[in-house]
PDB file of N, CA and C in Angstrom:
ATOM      1  N   UNK A   1     -81.615 276.147  64.438  1.00  0.00           N
ATOM      2  CA  UNK A   1     -81.333 275.230  63.376  1.00  0.00           C
ATOM      3  C   UNK A   1     -80.838 273.909  63.919  1.00  0.00           C
ATOM      4  N   UNK A   2     -81.152 273.627  65.131  1.00  0.00           N
ATOM      5  CA  UNK A   2     -80.723 272.341  65.654  1.00  0.00           C
ATOM      6  C   UNK A   2     -81.647 271.255  65.170  1.00  0.00           C
ATOM      7  N   UNK A   3     -81.153 270.047  65.168  1.00  0.00           N
ATOM      8  CA  UNK A   3     -81.961 268.931  64.727  1.00  0.00           C
ATOM      9  C   UNK A   3     -81.954 268.781  63.230  1.00  0.00           C
ATOM     10  N   UNK A   4     -82.872 267.956  62.766  1.00  0.00           N
ATOM     11  CA  UNK A   4     -82.889 267.624  61.346  1.00  0.00           C
ATOM     12  C   UNK A   4     -84.333 267.609  60.870  1.00  0.00           C
ATOM     13  N   UNK A   5     -84.617 268.309  59.816  1.00  0.00           N
ATOM     14  CA  UNK A   5     -85.959 268.342  59.255  1.00  0.00           C
ATOM     15  C   UNK A   5     -85.998 267.478  58.002  1.00  0.00           C
ATOM     16  N   UNK A   6     -87.191 267.144  57.535  1.00  0.00           N
ATOM     17  CA  UNK A   6     -87.272 266.359  56.306  1.00  0.00           C
ATOM     18  C   UNK A   6     -86.497 267.042  55.179  1.00  0.00           C
ATOM     19  N   UNK A   7     -85.716 266.271  54.469  1.00  0.00           N
ATOM     20  CA  UNK A   7     -84.916 266.814  53.396  1.00  0.00           C
ATOM     21  C   UNK A   7     -83.503 267.152  53.817  1.00  0.00           C
ATOM     22  N   UNK A   8     -83.247 267.175  55.122  1.00  0.00           N
ATOM     23  CA  UNK A   8     -81.891 267.428  55.599  1.00  0.00           C
ATOM     24  C   UNK A   8     -81.065 266.187  55.338  1.00  0.00           C
ATOM     25  N   UNK A   9     -79.777 266.368  55.099  1.00  0.00           N
ATOM     26  CA  UNK A   9     -78.973 265.226  54.711  1.00  0.00           C
ATOM     27  C   UNK A   9     -78.050 264.710  55.807  1.00  0.00           C
ATOM     28  N   UNK A  10     -77.687 265.516  56.781  1.00  0.00           N
ATOM     29  CA  UNK A  10     -76.806 265.070  57.850  1.00  0.00           C
ATOM     30  C   UNK A  10     -77.418 265.524  59.174  1.00  0.00           C
ATOM     31  N   UNK A  11     -77.712 264.603  60.085  1.00  0.00           N
ATOM     32  CA  UNK A  11     -78.304 265.008  61.361  1.00  0.00           C
ATOM     33  C   UNK A  11     -77.472 266.086  62.046  1.00  0.00           C
ATOM     34  N   UNK A  12     -78.154 267.115  62.540  1.00  0.00           N
ATOM     35  CA  UNK A  12     -77.474 268.200  63.222  1.00  0.00           C
ATOM     36  C   UNK A  12     -76.952 269.279  62.290  1.00  0.00           C
ATOM     37  N   UNK A  13     -76.996 269.037  60.991  1.00  0.00           N
ATOM     38  CA  UNK A  13     -76.522 270.010  60.011  1.00  0.00           C
ATOM     39  C   UNK A  13     -77.579 270.178  58.928  1.00  0.00           C
ATOM     40  N   UNK A  14     -78.588 271.007  59.182  1.00  0.00           N
ATOM     41  CA  UNK A  14     -79.671 271.159  58.212  1.00  0.00           C
ATOM     42  C   UNK A  14     -79.181 271.742  56.888  1.00  0.00           C
ATOM     43  N   UNK A  15     -79.830 271.350  55.828  1.00  0.00           N
ATOM     44  CA  UNK A  15     -79.508 271.871  54.493  1.00  0.00           C
ATOM     45  C   UNK A  15     -80.113 273.267  54.364  1.00  0.00           C
ATOM     46  N   UNK A  16     -79.315 274.205  53.895  1.00  0.00           N
ATOM     47  CA  UNK A  16     -79.732 275.585  53.706  1.00  0.00           C
ATOM     48  C   UNK A  16     -80.039 275.778  52.228  1.00  0.00           C
ATOM     49  N   UNK A  17     -81.244 276.269  51.930  1.00  0.00           N
ATOM     50  CA  UNK A  17     -81.631 276.543  50.553  1.00  0.00           C
ATOM     51  C   UNK A  17     -81.640 278.056  50.367  1.00  0.00           C
ATOM     52  N   UNK A  18     -80.847 278.519  49.400  1.00  0.00           N
ATOM     53  CA  UNK A  18     -80.814 279.936  49.062  1.00  0.00           C
ATOM     54  C   UNK A  18     -81.402 280.054  47.653  1.00  0.00           C
ATOM     55  N   UNK A  19     -82.543 280.719  47.574  1.00  0.00           N
ATOM     56  CA  UNK A  19     -83.290 280.817  46.328  1.00  0.00           C
ATOM     57  C   UNK A  19     -82.686 281.859  45.396  1.00  0.00           C
ATOM     58  N   UNK A  20     -83.087 281.834  44.119  1.00  0.00           N
ATOM     59  CA  UNK A  20     -82.564 282.813  43.153  1.00  0.00           C
ATOM     60  C   UNK A  20     -82.891 284.252  43.557  1.00  0.00           C
ATOM     61  N   UNK A  21     -82.131 285.176  43.020  1.00  0.00           N
ATOM     62  CA  UNK A  21     -82.368 286.599  43.256  1.00  0.00           C
ATOM     63  C   UNK A  21     -83.749 286.958  42.722  1.00  0.00           C
ATOM     64  N   UNK A  22     -84.524 287.666  43.550  1.00  0.00           N
ATOM     65  CA  UNK A  22     -85.874 288.061  43.140  1.00  0.00           C
ATOM     66  C   UNK A  22     -85.858 289.489  42.579  1.00  0.00           C
ATOM     67  N   UNK A  23     -87.021 289.989  42.239  1.00  0.00           N
ATOM     68  CA  UNK A  23     -87.156 291.318  41.654  1.00  0.00           C
ATOM     69  C   UNK A  23     -86.746 292.443  42.572  1.00  0.00           C
ATOM     70  N   UNK A  24     -86.657 292.166  43.881  1.00  0.00           N
ATOM     71  CA  UNK A  24     -86.236 293.186  44.845  1.00  0.00           C
ATOM     72  C   UNK A  24     -84.736 293.103  45.127  1.00  0.00           C
ATOM     73  N   UNK A  25     -84.045 292.171  44.457  1.00  0.00           N
ATOM     74  CA  UNK A  25     -82.597 292.070  44.620  1.00  0.00           C
ATOM     75  C   UNK A  25     -82.146 291.189  45.765  1.00  0.00           C
ATOM     76  N   UNK A  26     -83.076 290.455  46.375  1.00  0.00           N
ATOM     77  CA  UNK A  26     -82.716 289.586  47.495  1.00  0.00           C
ATOM     78  C   UNK A  26     -82.901 288.122  47.141  1.00  0.00           C
ATOM     79  N   UNK A  27     -82.364 287.283  47.999  1.00  0.00           N
ATOM     80  CA  UNK A  27     -82.504 285.832  47.848  1.00  0.00           C
ATOM     81  C   UNK A  27     -83.107 285.282  49.135  1.00  0.00           C
ATOM     82  N   UNK A  28     -84.236 284.581  49.006  1.00  0.00           N
ATOM     83  CA  UNK A  28     -84.883 283.982  50.167  1.00  0.00           C
ATOM     84  C   UNK A  28     -84.015 282.857  50.700  1.00  0.00           C
ATOM     85  N   UNK A  29     -83.889 282.779  52.019  1.00  0.00           N
ATOM     86  CA  UNK A  29     -83.073 281.751  52.671  1.00  0.00           C
ATOM     87  C   UNK A  29     -83.996 280.909  53.535  1.00  0.00           C
ATOM     88  N   UNK A  30     -83.939 279.582  53.317  1.00  0.00           N
ATOM     89  CA  UNK A  30     -84.796 278.656  54.070  1.00  0.00           C
ATOM     90  C   UNK A  30     -83.964 277.500  54.614  1.00  0.00           C
ATOM     91  N   UNK A  31     -84.365 277.024  55.770  1.00  0.00           N
ATOM     92  CA  UNK A  31     -83.743 275.846  56.381  1.00  0.00           C
ATOM     93  C   UNK A  31     -84.852 274.946  56.892  1.00  0.00           C
ATOM     94  N   UNK A  32     -84.874 273.704  56.405  1.00  0.00           N
ATOM     95  CA  UNK A  32     -85.889 272.750  56.861  1.00  0.00           C
ATOM     96  C   UNK A  32     -87.305 273.277  56.724  1.00  0.00           C
ATOM     97  N   UNK A  33     -87.565 274.035  55.663  1.00  0.00           N
ATOM     98  CA  UNK A  33     -88.889 274.582  55.447  1.00  0.00           C
ATOM     99  C   UNK A  33     -89.153 275.879  56.183  1.00  0.00           C
ATOM    100  N   UNK A  34     -88.242 276.309  57.023  1.00  0.00           N
ATOM    101  CA  UNK A  34     -88.399 277.558  57.775  1.00  0.00           C
ATOM    102  C   UNK A  34     -87.731 278.701  57.013  1.00  0.00           C
ATOM    103  N   UNK A  35     -88.478 279.766  56.811  1.00  0.00           N
ATOM    104  CA  UNK A  35     -87.954 280.943  56.122  1.00  0.00           C
ATOM    105  C   UNK A  35     -87.158 281.773  57.110  1.00  0.00           C
ATOM    106  N   UNK A  36     -85.855 281.961  56.824  1.00  0.00           N
ATOM    107  CA  UNK A  36     -85.004 282.765  57.704  1.00  0.00           C
ATOM    108  C   UNK A  36     -84.994 284.234  57.315  1.00  0.00           C
ATOM    109  N   UNK A  37     -85.378 284.528  56.079  1.00  0.00           N
ATOM    110  CA  UNK A  37     -85.413 285.919  55.638  1.00  0.00           C
ATOM    111  C   UNK A  37     -84.897 286.067  54.223  1.00  0.00           C
ATOM    112  N   UNK A  38     -84.760 287.323  53.813  1.00  0.00           N
ATOM    113  CA  UNK A  38     -84.282 287.661  52.475  1.00  0.00           C
ATOM    114  C   UNK A  38     -82.881 288.243  52.625  1.00  0.00           C
ATOM    115  N   UNK A  39     -81.926 287.603  51.964  1.00  0.00           N
ATOM    116  CA  UNK A  39     -80.529 288.036  52.024  1.00  0.00           C
ATOM    117  C   UNK A  39     -80.209 288.884  50.803  1.00  0.00           C
ATOM    118  N   UNK A  40     -79.377 289.896  51.032  1.00  0.00           N
ATOM    119  CA  UNK A  40     -78.927 290.763  49.951  1.00  0.00           C
ATOM    120  C   UNK A  40     -77.429 290.633  49.723  1.00  0.00           C
ATOM    121  N   UNK A  41     -76.809 289.734  50.489  1.00  0.00           N
ATOM    122  CA  UNK A  41     -75.381 289.442  50.333  1.00  0.00           C
ATOM    123  C   UNK A  41     -75.073 288.154  51.097  1.00  0.00           C
ATOM    124  N   UNK A  42     -73.886 287.610  50.858  1.00  0.00           N
ATOM    125  CA  UNK A  42     -73.453 286.422  51.592  1.00  0.00           C
ATOM    126  C   UNK A  42     -73.350 286.732  53.087  1.00  0.00           C
ATOM    127  N   UNK A  43     -73.013 287.964  53.424  1.00  0.00           N
ATOM    128  CA  UNK A  43     -72.942 288.341  54.840  1.00  0.00           C
ATOM    129  C   UNK A  43     -74.309 288.226  55.508  1.00  0.00           C
ATOM    130  N   UNK A  44     -75.374 288.548  54.772  1.00  0.00           N
ATOM    131  CA  UNK A  44     -76.726 288.385  55.321  1.00  0.00           C
ATOM    132  C   UNK A  44     -77.012 286.911  55.606  1.00  0.00           C
ATOM    133  N   UNK A  45     -76.611 286.034  54.690  1.00  0.00           N
ATOM    134  CA  UNK A  45     -76.818 284.595  54.904  1.00  0.00           C
ATOM    135  C   UNK A  45     -76.113 284.170  56.187  1.00  0.00           C
ATOM    136  N   UNK A  46     -74.877 284.589  56.351  1.00  0.00           N
ATOM    137  CA  UNK A  46     -74.123 284.236  57.559  1.00  0.00           C
ATOM    138  C   UNK A  46     -74.797 284.785  58.808  1.00  0.00           C
ATOM    139  N   UNK A  47     -75.345 285.989  58.729  1.00  0.00           N
ATOM    140  CA  UNK A  47     -76.039 286.573  59.883  1.00  0.00           C
ATOM    141  C   UNK A  47     -77.292 285.772  60.233  1.00  0.00           C
ATOM    142  N   UNK A  48     -78.047 285.353  59.223  1.00  0.00           N
ATOM    143  CA  UNK A  48     -79.221 284.522  59.493  1.00  0.00           C
ATOM    144  C   UNK A  48     -78.816 283.231  60.190  1.00  0.00           C
ATOM    145  N   UNK A  49     -77.730 282.621  59.737  1.00  0.00           N
ATOM    146  CA  UNK A  49     -77.270 281.372  60.343  1.00  0.00           C
ATOM    147  C   UNK A  49     -76.772 281.606  61.763  1.00  0.00           C
ATOM    148  N   UNK A  50     -76.118 282.747  61.994  1.00  0.00           N
ATOM    149  CA  UNK A  50     -75.673 283.091  63.357  1.00  0.00           C
ATOM    150  C   UNK A  50     -76.882 283.203  64.280  1.00  0.00           C
ATOM    151  N   UNK A  51     -77.910 283.890  63.817  1.00  0.00           N
ATOM    152  CA  UNK A  51     -79.130 284.056  64.620  1.00  0.00           C
ATOM    153  C   UNK A  51     -79.800 282.710  64.895  1.00  0.00           C
ATOM    154  N   UNK A  52     -79.593 281.765  63.983  1.00  0.00           N
ATOM    155  CA  UNK A  52     -80.183 280.431  64.142  1.00  0.00           C
ATOM    156  C   UNK A  52     -79.310 279.526  65.013  1.00  0.00           C
ATOM    157  N   UNK A  53     -78.170 280.048  65.481  1.00  0.00           N
ATOM    158  CA  UNK A  53     -77.365 279.283  66.418  1.00  0.00           C
ATOM    159  C   UNK A  53     -76.076 278.706  65.882  1.00  0.00           C
ATOM    160  N   UNK A  54     -75.735 278.975  64.625  1.00  0.00           N
ATOM    161  CA  UNK A  54     -74.480 278.470  64.065  1.00  0.00           C
ATOM    162  C   UNK A  54     -73.383 279.521  64.197  1.00  0.00           C
ATOM    163  N   UNK A  55     -72.166 279.070  64.333  1.00  0.00           N
ATOM    164  CA  UNK A  55     -71.021 279.968  64.374  1.00  0.00           C
ATOM    165  C   UNK A  55     -70.641 280.302  62.937  1.00  0.00           C
ATOM    166  N   UNK A  56     -70.820 281.557  62.499  1.00  0.00           N
ATOM    167  CA  UNK A  56     -70.524 281.894  61.102  1.00  0.00           C
ATOM    168  C   UNK A  56     -69.066 281.667  60.714  1.00  0.00           C
ATOM    169  N   UNK A  57     -68.182 281.632  61.687  1.00  0.00           N
ATOM    170  CA  UNK A  57     -66.768 281.384  61.396  1.00  0.00           C
ATOM    171  C   UNK A  57     -66.509 279.939  60.980  1.00  0.00           C
ATOM    172  N   UNK A  58     -67.467 279.056  61.233  1.00  0.00           N
ATOM    173  CA  UNK A  58     -67.284 277.646  60.882  1.00  0.00           C
ATOM    174  C   UNK A  58     -68.115 277.239  59.663  1.00  0.00           C
ATOM    175  N   UNK A  59     -68.851 278.187  59.091  1.00  0.00           N
ATOM    176  CA  UNK A  59     -69.728 277.900  57.961  1.00  0.00           C
ATOM    177  C   UNK A  59     -68.970 278.109  56.653  1.00  0.00           C
ATOM    178  N   UNK A  60     -69.033 277.112  55.777  1.00  0.00           N
ATOM    179  CA  UNK A  60     -68.447 277.209  54.441  1.00  0.00           C
ATOM    180  C   UNK A  60     -69.598 277.336  53.449  1.00  0.00           C
ATOM    181  N   UNK A  61     -69.819 278.538  52.939  1.00  0.00           N
ATOM    182  CA  UNK A  61     -70.937 278.782  52.030  1.00  0.00           C
ATOM    183  C   UNK A  61     -70.839 277.986  50.737  1.00  0.00           C
ATOM    184  N   UNK A  62     -69.665 277.466  50.430  1.00  0.00           N
ATOM    185  CA  UNK A  62     -69.473 276.683  49.206  1.00  0.00           C
ATOM    186  C   UNK A  62     -69.651 275.178  49.439  1.00  0.00           C
ATOM    187  N   UNK A  63     -70.002 274.782  50.659  1.00  0.00           N
ATOM    188  CA  UNK A  63     -70.186 273.373  51.001  1.00  0.00           C
ATOM    189  C   UNK A  63     -71.490 272.862  50.396  1.00  0.00           C
ATOM    190  N   UNK A  64     -71.378 272.109  49.321  1.00  0.00           N
ATOM    191  CA  UNK A  64     -72.566 271.619  48.614  1.00  0.00           C
ATOM    192  C   UNK A  64     -73.353 270.591  49.416  1.00  0.00           C
ATOM    193  N   UNK A  65     -72.765 270.016  50.445  1.00  0.00           N
ATOM    194  CA  UNK A  65     -73.495 269.086  51.298  1.00  0.00           C
ATOM    195  C   UNK A  65     -74.496 269.806  52.190  1.00  0.00           C
ATOM    196  N   UNK A  66     -74.233 271.080  52.489  1.00  0.00           N
ATOM    197  CA  UNK A  66     -75.083 271.822  53.410  1.00  0.00           C
ATOM    198  C   UNK A  66     -75.835 272.980  52.770  1.00  0.00           C
ATOM    199  N   UNK A  67     -75.420 273.382  51.567  1.00  0.00           N
ATOM    200  CA  UNK A  67     -76.063 274.514  50.903  1.00  0.00           C
ATOM    201  C   UNK A  67     -76.575 274.122  49.530  1.00  0.00           C
ATOM    202  N   UNK A  68     -77.778 274.572  49.231  1.00  0.00           N
ATOM    203  CA  UNK A  68     -78.380 274.418  47.911  1.00  0.00           C
ATOM    204  C   UNK A  68     -78.591 275.833  47.377  1.00  0.00           C
ATOM    205  N   UNK A  69     -77.611 276.313  46.611  1.00  0.00           N
ATOM    206  CA  UNK A  69     -77.669 277.647  46.019  1.00  0.00           C
ATOM    207  C   UNK A  69     -78.407 277.539  44.694  1.00  0.00           C
ATOM    208  N   UNK A  70     -79.607 278.058  44.642  1.00  0.00           N
ATOM    209  CA  UNK A  70     -80.429 278.000  43.431  1.00  0.00           C
ATOM    210  C   UNK A  70     -80.312 279.331  42.686  1.00  0.00           C
ATOM    211  N   UNK A  71     -80.050 279.250  41.411  1.00  0.00           N
ATOM    212  CA  UNK A  71     -79.950 280.469  40.622  1.00  0.00           C
ATOM    213  C   UNK A  71     -78.611 281.164  40.764  1.00  0.00           C
ATOM    214  N   UNK A  72     -77.590 280.438  41.153  1.00  0.00           N
ATOM    215  CA  UNK A  72     -76.258 281.008  41.262  1.00  0.00           C
ATOM    216  C   UNK A  72     -75.617 280.707  42.597  1.00  0.00           C
ATOM    217  N   UNK A  73     -74.307 280.758  42.627  1.00  0.00           N
ATOM    218  CA  UNK A  73     -73.548 280.440  43.834  1.00  0.00           C
ATOM    219  C   UNK A  73     -73.517 281.627  44.802  1.00  0.00           C
ATOM    220  N   UNK A  74     -72.722 281.556  45.889  1.00  0.00           N
ATOM    221  CA  UNK A  74     -72.718 282.632  46.885  1.00  0.00           C
ATOM    222  C   UNK A  74     -72.214 283.983  46.376  1.00  0.00           C
ATOM    223  N   UNK A  75     -71.698 284.026  45.143  1.00  0.00           N
ATOM    224  CA  UNK A  75     -71.224 285.304  44.610  1.00  0.00           C
ATOM    225  C   UNK A  75     -72.274 286.004  43.752  1.00  0.00           C
ATOM    226  N   UNK A  76     -73.430 285.361  43.516  1.00  0.00           N
ATOM    227  CA  UNK A  76     -74.457 285.905  42.635  1.00  0.00           C
ATOM    228  C   UNK A  76     -75.503 286.647  43.461  1.00  0.00           C
ATOM    229  N   UNK A  77     -75.582 287.951  43.259  1.00  0.00           N
ATOM    230  CA  UNK A  77     -76.556 288.781  43.991  1.00  0.00           C
ATOM    231  C   UNK A  77     -77.314 289.723  43.065  1.00  0.00           C
ATOM    232  N   UNK A  78     -77.246 289.453  41.766  1.00  0.00           N
ATOM    233  CA  UNK A  78     -78.063 290.139  40.791  1.00  0.00           C
ATOM    234  C   UNK A  78     -78.758 289.078  39.947  1.00  0.00           C
ATOM    235  N   UNK A  79     -79.944 289.371  39.419  1.00  0.00           N
ATOM    236  CA  UNK A  79     -80.639 288.358  38.613  1.00  0.00           C
ATOM    237  C   UNK A  79     -79.791 287.907  37.437  1.00  0.00           C
ATOM    238  N   UNK A  80     -79.849 286.596  37.149  1.00  0.00           N
ATOM    239  CA  UNK A  80     -79.101 286.042  36.014  1.00  0.00           C
ATOM    240  C   UNK A  80     -79.786 286.357  34.714  1.00  0.00           C
TER     241      UNK A  80
END
């Protein structure tokens, strides 16, 4: 997740898009157009970011500058 892709707002800190809960109970997670996977909890999102090179201890899932939570915030894991 290094660098900045189109649509990112701060160089070096790509915007993370977490899509609404789907029919399988997961939320697709994308960064700069790259699909990181389907998360079933906030812990999954943090794990995807860790695998992408970020320290999960420094990530604030409620940071609206870096996260675009669609269909609910980080506490929503069932369809609305």
